[in-house]
Protein backbone atom coordinates (compact mmCIF):
# COMPACT_ATOMS: atom_id res chain seq x y z
CA MET A 1 -5.41 0.45 -3.73
CA SER A 2 -2.02 -1.10 -2.81
CA ASN A 3 -0.45 -2.20 -6.07
CA ASN A 4 3.06 -1.94 -4.59
CA ASN A 5 3.95 1.15 -6.58
CA ALA A 6 4.69 4.67 -5.41
CA ALA A 7 1.33 6.07 -6.46
CA SER A 8 -0.61 3.43 -4.54
CA TYR A 9 1.35 4.24 -1.40
CA VAL A 10 0.39 7.91 -1.78
CA MET A 11 -3.26 6.94 -2.04
CA ASP A 12 -2.97 4.78 1.08
CA ALA A 13 -0.89 7.28 3.08
CA GLY A 14 -3.36 9.92 4.11
CA PRO A 15 -6.98 10.70 4.78
CA ARG A 16 -9.24 11.50 1.86
CA ASP A 17 -12.25 12.72 3.83
CA THR A 18 -13.31 15.15 1.15
CA GLU A 19 -13.47 15.13 -2.61
CA GLU A 20 -10.82 17.88 -2.66
CA LEU A 21 -8.37 15.74 -0.64
CA SER A 22 -9.07 12.78 -2.89
CA TYR A 23 -8.33 14.85 -6.00
CA ARG A 24 -5.14 16.15 -4.44
CA ALA A 25 -3.97 12.66 -3.47
CA ARG A 26 -4.55 11.50 -7.04
CA ALA A 27 -2.66 14.49 -8.46
CA VAL A 28 0.28 13.79 -6.13
CA ALA A 29 0.18 10.10 -7.11
CA ALA A 30 0.24 11.06 -10.80
CA ALA A 31 3.16 13.44 -10.19
CA ILE A 32 5.09 10.65 -8.45
CA GLU A 33 4.50 8.41 -11.46
CA VAL A 34 5.93 11.15 -13.71
CA ILE A 35 8.99 11.43 -11.44
CA ALA A 36 9.40 7.64 -11.39
CA ALA A 37 9.25 7.46 -15.18
CA LYS A 38 11.77 10.27 -15.50
CA ALA A 39 14.09 8.63 -12.95
CA SER A 40 14.03 5.33 -14.84
CA GLY A 41 15.15 7.01 -18.07
CA ALA A 42 18.64 7.41 -19.45
CA ASP A 43 19.01 11.06 -18.43
CA ALA A 44 20.43 11.91 -15.02
CA THR A 45 17.65 12.86 -12.62
CA SER A 46 18.07 14.41 -9.19
CA LEU A 47 15.37 12.91 -7.00
CA LYS A 48 15.98 15.63 -4.43
CA VAL A 49 15.15 18.26 -7.05
CA GLU A 50 12.23 16.27 -8.44
CA PHE A 51 10.65 15.70 -5.04
CA GLY A 52 11.23 19.38 -4.27
CA ASN A 53 9.02 20.06 -7.31
CA LEU A 54 6.38 17.47 -6.37
CA SER A 55 3.81 19.97 -5.10
CA MET A 56 4.26 22.15 -8.18
CA TYR A 57 3.77 19.13 -10.46
CA ALA A 58 0.60 18.18 -8.57
CA ASP A 59 -0.65 21.78 -8.87
CA GLN A 60 -0.02 21.70 -12.62
CA ILE A 61 -1.83 18.38 -13.00
CA GLN A 62 -4.84 19.69 -11.10
CA ALA A 63 -4.85 22.91 -13.13
CA ALA A 64 -4.67 20.96 -16.38
CA LEU A 65 -7.75 18.96 -15.39
CA LYS A 66 -9.94 21.98 -14.63
CA ALA A 67 -12.69 22.64 -17.13
CA LYS A 68 -12.30 25.80 -19.15
């Protein structure tokens, strides 16, 4: 992948031996993009807090993508 952005580094960082791990890596990458967009805005953003919420954001992204 390697596009020199945070999400591409996530995709390159770990094994994706299963479809589940691949989905999780993509959800984490998407969450990092959300954090990056928020951090580049005018409002003050605590990266420590945002990265503390990274797993929760990824969980929410995966839940939002599940078929109902």
